[in-house]
PDB file of all heavy atoms in Angstrom:
ATOM      1  N   CYS A   1       3.856 -67.847  20.131  1.00  0.00           N
ATOM      2  CA  CYS A   1       2.562 -67.660  20.745  1.00  0.00           C
ATOM      3  C   CYS A   1       1.501 -68.200  19.806  1.00  0.00           C
ATOM      4  O   CYS A   1       1.789 -68.526  18.633  1.00  0.00           O
ATOM      5  CB  CYS A   1       2.293 -66.194  21.011  1.00  0.00           C
ATOM      6  SG  CYS A   1       2.518 -65.088  19.616  1.00  0.00           S
ATOM      7  N   ALA A   2       0.261 -68.336  20.270  1.00  0.00           N
ATOM      8  CA  ALA A   2      -0.797 -68.894  19.425  1.00  0.00           C
ATOM      9  C   ALA A   2      -2.122 -68.307  19.860  1.00  0.00           C
ATOM     10  O   ALA A   2      -2.359 -68.028  21.031  1.00  0.00           O
ATOM     11  CB  ALA A   2      -0.826 -70.433  19.521  1.00  0.00           C
ATOM     12  N   ILE A   3      -3.020 -68.133  18.852  1.00  0.00           N
ATOM     13  CA  ILE A   3      -4.399 -67.671  19.123  1.00  0.00           C
ATOM     14  C   ILE A   3      -5.296 -68.895  18.936  1.00  0.00           C
ATOM     15  O   ILE A   3      -5.341 -69.505  17.869  1.00  0.00           O
ATOM     16  CB  ILE A   3      -4.774 -66.585  18.129  1.00  0.00           C
ATOM     17  CG1 ILE A   3      -3.925 -65.312  18.391  1.00  0.00           C
ATOM     18  CG2 ILE A   3      -6.265 -66.196  18.279  1.00  0.00           C
ATOM     19  CD1 ILE A   3      -4.165 -64.188  17.405  1.00  0.00           C
ATOM     20  N   MET A   4      -5.948 -69.247  20.029  1.00  0.00           N
ATOM     21  CA  MET A   4      -6.760 -70.463  20.051  1.00  0.00           C
ATOM     22  C   MET A   4      -8.083 -70.211  20.797  1.00  0.00           C
ATOM     23  O   MET A   4      -8.267 -69.127  21.374  1.00  0.00           O
ATOM     24  CB  MET A   4      -5.988 -71.603  20.736  1.00  0.00           C
ATOM     25  CG  MET A   4      -4.698 -71.966  20.060  1.00  0.00           C
ATOM     26  SD  MET A   4      -3.709 -73.206  20.933  1.00  0.00           S
ATOM     27  CE  MET A   4      -3.184 -72.309  22.414  1.00  0.00           C
ATOM     28  N   ALA A   5      -8.938 -71.204  20.808  1.00  0.00           N
ATOM     29  CA  ALA A   5     -10.202 -71.063  21.563  1.00  0.00           C
ATOM     30  C   ALA A   5     -10.196 -72.021  22.727  1.00  0.00           C
ATOM     31  O   ALA A   5      -9.767 -73.156  22.639  1.00  0.00           O
ATOM     32  CB  ALA A   5     -11.393 -71.406  20.625  1.00  0.00           C
ATOM     33  N   GLU A   6     -10.621 -71.510  23.878  1.00  0.00           N
ATOM     34  CA  GLU A   6     -10.715 -72.373  25.055  1.00  0.00           C
ATOM     35  C   GLU A   6     -11.960 -73.250  24.929  1.00  0.00           C
ATOM     36  O   GLU A   6     -12.907 -72.886  24.228  1.00  0.00           O
ATOM     37  CB  GLU A   6     -10.818 -71.504  26.297  1.00  0.00           C
ATOM     38  CG  GLU A   6      -9.494 -70.800  26.668  1.00  0.00           C
ATOM     39  CD  GLU A   6      -9.599 -70.047  27.997  1.00  0.00           C
ATOM     40  OE1 GLU A   6     -10.662 -69.464  28.282  1.00  0.00           O
ATOM     41  OE2 GLU A   6      -8.572 -70.028  28.698  1.00  0.00           O
ATOM     42  N   PRO A   7     -11.963 -74.409  25.625  1.00  0.00           N
ATOM     43  CA  PRO A   7     -10.912 -74.897  26.497  1.00  0.00           C
ATOM     44  C   PRO A   7      -9.873 -75.714  25.764  1.00  0.00           C
ATOM     45  O   PRO A   7     -10.146 -76.228  24.685  1.00  0.00           O
ATOM     46  CB  PRO A   7     -11.709 -75.768  27.466  1.00  0.00           C
ATOM     47  CG  PRO A   7     -12.814 -76.338  26.619  1.00  0.00           C
ATOM     48  CD  PRO A   7     -13.188 -75.255  25.665  1.00  0.00           C
ATOM     49  N   PHE A   8      -8.714 -75.821  26.339  1.00  0.00           N
ATOM     50  CA  PHE A   8      -7.675 -76.749  25.882  1.00  0.00           C
ATOM     51  C   PHE A   8      -6.880 -77.217  27.117  1.00  0.00           C
ATOM     52  O   PHE A   8      -6.960 -76.600  28.176  1.00  0.00           O
ATOM     53  CB  PHE A   8      -6.776 -76.165  24.808  1.00  0.00           C
ATOM     54  CG  PHE A   8      -6.258 -74.762  25.131  1.00  0.00           C
ATOM     55  CD1 PHE A   8      -5.154 -74.611  25.971  1.00  0.00           C
ATOM     56  CD2 PHE A   8      -6.860 -73.650  24.586  1.00  0.00           C
ATOM     57  CE1 PHE A   8      -4.688 -73.349  26.224  1.00  0.00           C
ATOM     58  CE2 PHE A   8      -6.371 -72.378  24.864  1.00  0.00           C
ATOM     59  CZ  PHE A   8      -5.257 -72.220  25.681  1.00  0.00           C
ATOM     60  N   PRO A   9      -6.130 -78.304  27.012  1.00  0.00           N
ATOM     61  CA  PRO A   9      -5.415 -78.860  28.177  1.00  0.00           C
ATOM     62  C   PRO A   9      -4.516 -77.839  28.820  1.00  0.00           C
ATOM     63  O   PRO A   9      -3.894 -77.022  28.158  1.00  0.00           O
ATOM     64  CB  PRO A   9      -4.605 -79.995  27.538  1.00  0.00           C
ATOM     65  CG  PRO A   9      -5.327 -80.402  26.315  1.00  0.00           C
ATOM     66  CD  PRO A   9      -5.910 -79.119  25.768  1.00  0.00           C
ATOM     67  N   ASP A  10      -4.435 -77.863  30.140  1.00  0.00           N
ATOM     68  CA  ASP A  10      -3.577 -76.967  30.898  1.00  0.00           C
ATOM     69  C   ASP A  10      -2.138 -77.389  30.694  1.00  0.00           C
ATOM     70  O   ASP A  10      -1.701 -78.444  31.136  1.00  0.00           O
ATOM     71  CB  ASP A  10      -3.932 -77.064  32.385  1.00  0.00           C
ATOM     72  CG  ASP A  10      -3.061 -76.113  33.225  1.00  0.00           C
ATOM     73  OD1 ASP A  10      -2.341 -75.304  32.608  1.00  0.00           O
ATOM     74  OD2 ASP A  10      -3.169 -76.161  34.417  1.00  0.00           O
ATOM     75  N   THR A  11      -1.414 -76.574  29.953  1.00  0.00           N
ATOM     76  CA  THR A  11      -0.008 -76.894  29.643  1.00  0.00           C
ATOM     77  C   THR A  11       0.961 -75.945  30.349  1.00  0.00           C
ATOM     78  O   THR A  11       2.134 -75.867  30.004  1.00  0.00           O
ATOM     79  CB  THR A  11       0.252 -76.821  28.136  1.00  0.00           C
ATOM     80  OG1 THR A  11      -0.192 -75.546  27.668  1.00  0.00           O
ATOM     81  CG2 THR A  11      -0.599 -77.884  27.416  1.00  0.00           C
ATOM     82  N   GLY A  12       0.472 -75.175  31.325  1.00  0.00           N
ATOM     83  CA  GLY A  12       1.358 -74.241  32.018  1.00  0.00           C
ATOM     84  C   GLY A  12       1.667 -72.989  31.191  1.00  0.00           C
ATOM     85  O   GLY A  12       2.615 -72.271  31.532  1.00  0.00           O
ATOM     86  N   LEU A  13       0.878 -72.709  30.153  1.00  0.00           N
ATOM     87  CA  LEU A  13       1.149 -71.558  29.308  1.00  0.00           C
ATOM     88  C   LEU A  13       0.556 -70.287  29.964  1.00  0.00           C
ATOM     89  O   LEU A  13      -0.358 -70.326  30.763  1.00  0.00           O
ATOM     90  CB  LEU A  13       0.507 -71.727  27.926  1.00  0.00           C
ATOM     91  CG  LEU A  13       0.998 -72.871  27.071  1.00  0.00           C
ATOM     92  CD1 LEU A  13       0.075 -73.052  25.847  1.00  0.00           C
ATOM     93  CD2 LEU A  13       2.444 -72.572  26.602  1.00  0.00           C
ATOM     94  N   ALA A  14       1.138 -69.143  29.620  1.00  0.00           N
ATOM     95  CA  ALA A  14       0.537 -67.871  29.985  1.00  0.00           C
ATOM     96  C   ALA A  14      -0.580 -67.612  28.990  1.00  0.00           C
ATOM     97  O   ALA A  14      -0.439 -67.856  27.793  1.00  0.00           O
ATOM     98  CB  ALA A  14       1.585 -66.781  29.923  1.00  0.00           C
ATOM     99  N   ILE A  15      -1.687 -67.070  29.481  1.00  0.00           N
ATOM    100  CA  ILE A  15      -2.909 -66.906  28.630  1.00  0.00           C
ATOM    101  C   ILE A  15      -3.491 -65.521  28.857  1.00  0.00           C
ATOM    102  O   ILE A  15      -3.649 -65.118  30.024  1.00  0.00           O
ATOM    103  CB  ILE A  15      -3.936 -67.982  28.896  1.00  0.00           C
ATOM    104  CG1 ILE A  15      -3.382 -69.354  28.508  1.00  0.00           C
ATOM    105  CG2 ILE A  15      -5.250 -67.707  28.201  1.00  0.00           C
ATOM    106  CD1 ILE A  15      -4.302 -70.519  28.855  1.00  0.00           C
ATOM    107  N   ALA A  16      -3.820 -64.849  27.782  1.00  0.00           N
ATOM    108  CA  ALA A  16      -4.517 -63.582  27.875  1.00  0.00           C
ATOM    109  C   ALA A  16      -5.802 -63.646  27.033  1.00  0.00           C
ATOM    110  O   ALA A  16      -5.743 -64.031  25.861  1.00  0.00           O
ATOM    111  CB  ALA A  16      -3.624 -62.457  27.303  1.00  0.00           C
ATOM    112  N   PRO A  17      -6.943 -63.390  27.624  1.00  0.00           N
ATOM    113  CA  PRO A  17      -8.214 -63.408  26.867  1.00  0.00           C
ATOM    114  C   PRO A  17      -8.254 -62.267  25.834  1.00  0.00           C
ATOM    115  O   PRO A  17      -7.784 -61.170  26.102  1.00  0.00           O
ATOM    116  CB  PRO A  17      -9.273 -63.251  27.941  1.00  0.00           C
ATOM    117  CG  PRO A  17      -8.601 -62.505  29.044  1.00  0.00           C
ATOM    118  CD  PRO A  17      -7.149 -62.961  29.021  1.00  0.00           C
ATOM    119  N   LEU A  18      -8.796 -62.556  24.669  1.00  0.00           N
ATOM    120  CA  LEU A  18      -8.932 -61.583  23.623  1.00  0.00           C
ATOM    121  C   LEU A  18     -10.346 -61.120  23.397  1.00  0.00           C
ATOM    122  O   LEU A  18     -10.691 -59.976  23.448  1.00  0.00           O
ATOM    123  CB  LEU A  18      -8.353 -62.096  22.290  1.00  0.00           C
ATOM    124  CG  LEU A  18      -6.874 -62.429  22.319  1.00  0.00           C
ATOM    125  CD1 LEU A  18      -6.431 -63.092  21.009  1.00  0.00           C
ATOM    126  CD2 LEU A  18      -6.008 -61.173  22.594  1.00  0.00           C
ATOM    127  N   TYR A  19     -11.261 -62.124  23.132  1.00  0.00           N
ATOM    128  CA  TYR A  19     -12.664 -61.794  22.957  1.00  0.00           C
ATOM    129  C   TYR A  19     -13.538 -63.020  23.096  1.00  0.00           C
ATOM    130  O   TYR A  19     -13.061 -64.166  22.969  1.00  0.00           O
ATOM    131  CB  TYR A  19     -12.884 -61.146  21.605  1.00  0.00           C
ATOM    132  CG  TYR A  19     -12.450 -61.944  20.403  1.00  0.00           C
ATOM    133  CD1 TYR A  19     -13.240 -62.926  19.801  1.00  0.00           C
ATOM    134  CD2 TYR A  19     -11.187 -61.689  19.833  1.00  0.00           C
ATOM    135  CE1 TYR A  19     -12.804 -63.664  18.712  1.00  0.00           C
ATOM    136  CE2 TYR A  19     -10.778 -62.412  18.709  1.00  0.00           C
ATOM    137  CZ  TYR A  19     -11.561 -63.361  18.154  1.00  0.00           C
ATOM    138  OH  TYR A  19     -11.124 -64.106  17.059  1.00  0.00           O
ATOM    139  N   ASP A  20     -14.827 -62.790  23.470  1.00  0.00           N
ATOM    140  CA  ASP A  20     -15.824 -63.835  23.453  1.00  0.00           C
ATOM    141  C   ASP A  20     -16.624 -63.720  22.147  1.00  0.00           C
ATOM    142  O   ASP A  20     -17.125 -62.641  21.833  1.00  0.00           O
ATOM    143  CB  ASP A  20     -16.767 -63.722  24.675  1.00  0.00           C
ATOM    144  CG  ASP A  20     -16.138 -64.160  25.974  1.00  0.00           C
ATOM    145  OD1 ASP A  20     -15.131 -64.913  25.889  1.00  0.00           O
ATOM    146  OD2 ASP A  20     -16.591 -63.718  27.026  1.00  0.00           O
ATOM    147  N   GLU A  21     -16.753 -64.841  21.425  1.00  0.00           N
ATOM    148  CA  GLU A  21     -17.377 -64.811  20.140  1.00  0.00           C
ATOM    149  C   GLU A  21     -18.639 -65.671  20.137  1.00  0.00           C
ATOM    150  O   GLU A  21     -18.590 -66.858  20.329  1.00  0.00           O
ATOM    151  CB  GLU A  21     -16.383 -65.345  19.068  1.00  0.00           C
ATOM    152  CG  GLU A  21     -16.904 -65.344  17.657  1.00  0.00           C
ATOM    153  CD  GLU A  21     -15.847 -65.803  16.650  1.00  0.00           C
ATOM    154  OE1 GLU A  21     -14.889 -66.481  17.068  1.00  0.00           O
ATOM    155  OE2 GLU A  21     -16.011 -65.449  15.496  1.00  0.00           O
ATOM    156  N   PRO A  22     -19.808 -65.072  19.884  1.00  0.00           N
ATOM    157  CA  PRO A  22     -21.026 -65.859  19.836  1.00  0.00           C
ATOM    158  C   PRO A  22     -21.135 -66.743  18.592  1.00  0.00           C
ATOM    159  O   PRO A  22     -20.467 -66.438  17.569  1.00  0.00           O
ATOM    160  CB  PRO A  22     -22.119 -64.784  19.856  1.00  0.00           C
ATOM    161  CG  PRO A  22     -21.494 -63.595  19.251  1.00  0.00           C
ATOM    162  CD  PRO A  22     -20.031 -63.648  19.675  1.00  0.00           C
ATOM    163  N   PHE A  23     -21.914 -67.770  18.654  1.00  0.00           N
ATOM    164  CA  PHE A  23     -22.171 -68.625  17.511  1.00  0.00           C
ATOM    165  C   PHE A  23     -23.502 -68.226  16.884  1.00  0.00           C
ATOM    166  O   PHE A  23     -24.398 -67.714  17.530  1.00  0.00           O
ATOM    167  CB  PHE A  23     -22.325 -70.104  17.949  1.00  0.00           C
ATOM    168  CG  PHE A  23     -21.099 -70.653  18.593  1.00  0.00           C
ATOM    169  CD1 PHE A  23     -21.139 -71.835  19.344  1.00  0.00           C
ATOM    170  CD2 PHE A  23     -19.839 -70.033  18.421  1.00  0.00           C
ATOM    171  CE1 PHE A  23     -19.999 -72.345  19.957  1.00  0.00           C
ATOM    172  CE2 PHE A  23     -18.710 -70.579  18.995  1.00  0.00           C
ATOM    173  CZ  PHE A  23     -18.806 -71.723  19.778  1.00  0.00           C
ATOM    174  N   VAL A  24     -23.617 -68.435  15.568  1.00  0.00           N
ATOM    175  CA  VAL A  24     -24.879 -68.198  14.839  1.00  0.00           C
ATOM    176  C   VAL A  24     -25.165 -69.438  14.004  1.00  0.00           C
ATOM    177  O   VAL A  24     -24.289 -70.267  13.741  1.00  0.00           O
ATOM    178  CB  VAL A  24     -24.783 -66.946  13.958  1.00  0.00           C
ATOM    179  CG1 VAL A  24     -24.552 -65.715  14.794  1.00  0.00           C
ATOM    180  CG2 VAL A  24     -23.678 -67.119  12.901  1.00  0.00           C
ATOM    181  N   VAL A  25     -26.422 -69.548  13.563  1.00  0.00           N
ATOM    182  CA  VAL A  25     -26.863 -70.679  12.752  1.00  0.00           C
ATOM    183  C   VAL A  25     -26.915 -70.274  11.278  1.00  0.00           C
ATOM    184  O   VAL A  25     -27.426 -69.204  10.968  1.00  0.00           O
ATOM    185  CB  VAL A  25     -28.264 -71.161  13.203  1.00  0.00           C
ATOM    186  CG1 VAL A  25     -28.660 -72.394  12.433  1.00  0.00           C
ATOM    187  CG2 VAL A  25     -28.274 -71.454  14.684  1.00  0.00           C
ATOM    188  N   ALA A  26     -26.295 -71.087  10.419  1.00  0.00           N
ATOM    189  CA  ALA A  26     -26.356 -70.857   8.988  1.00  0.00           C
ATOM    190  C   ALA A  26     -27.333 -71.836   8.344  1.00  0.00           C
ATOM    191  O   ALA A  26     -27.201 -73.063   8.580  1.00  0.00           O
ATOM    192  CB  ALA A  26     -24.971 -71.004   8.386  1.00  0.00           C
ATOM    193  N   VAL A  27     -28.349 -71.328   7.664  1.00  0.00           N
ATOM    194  CA  VAL A  27     -29.353 -72.191   7.059  1.00  0.00           C
ATOM    195  C   VAL A  27     -29.557 -71.802   5.586  1.00  0.00           C
ATOM    196  O   VAL A  27     -29.311 -70.643   5.214  1.00  0.00           O
ATOM    197  CB  VAL A  27     -30.718 -72.061   7.818  1.00  0.00           C
ATOM    198  CG1 VAL A  27     -30.551 -72.421   9.289  1.00  0.00           C
ATOM    199  CG2 VAL A  27     -31.285 -70.633   7.709  1.00  0.00           C
TER     200      VAL A  27
END
């Protein structure tokens, strides 16, 4: 199994969502 971020090509894998992660700006 693998933990990745969507999107990625449809490869016929089973997928379970884990979490939505917001982006922040580093300055």
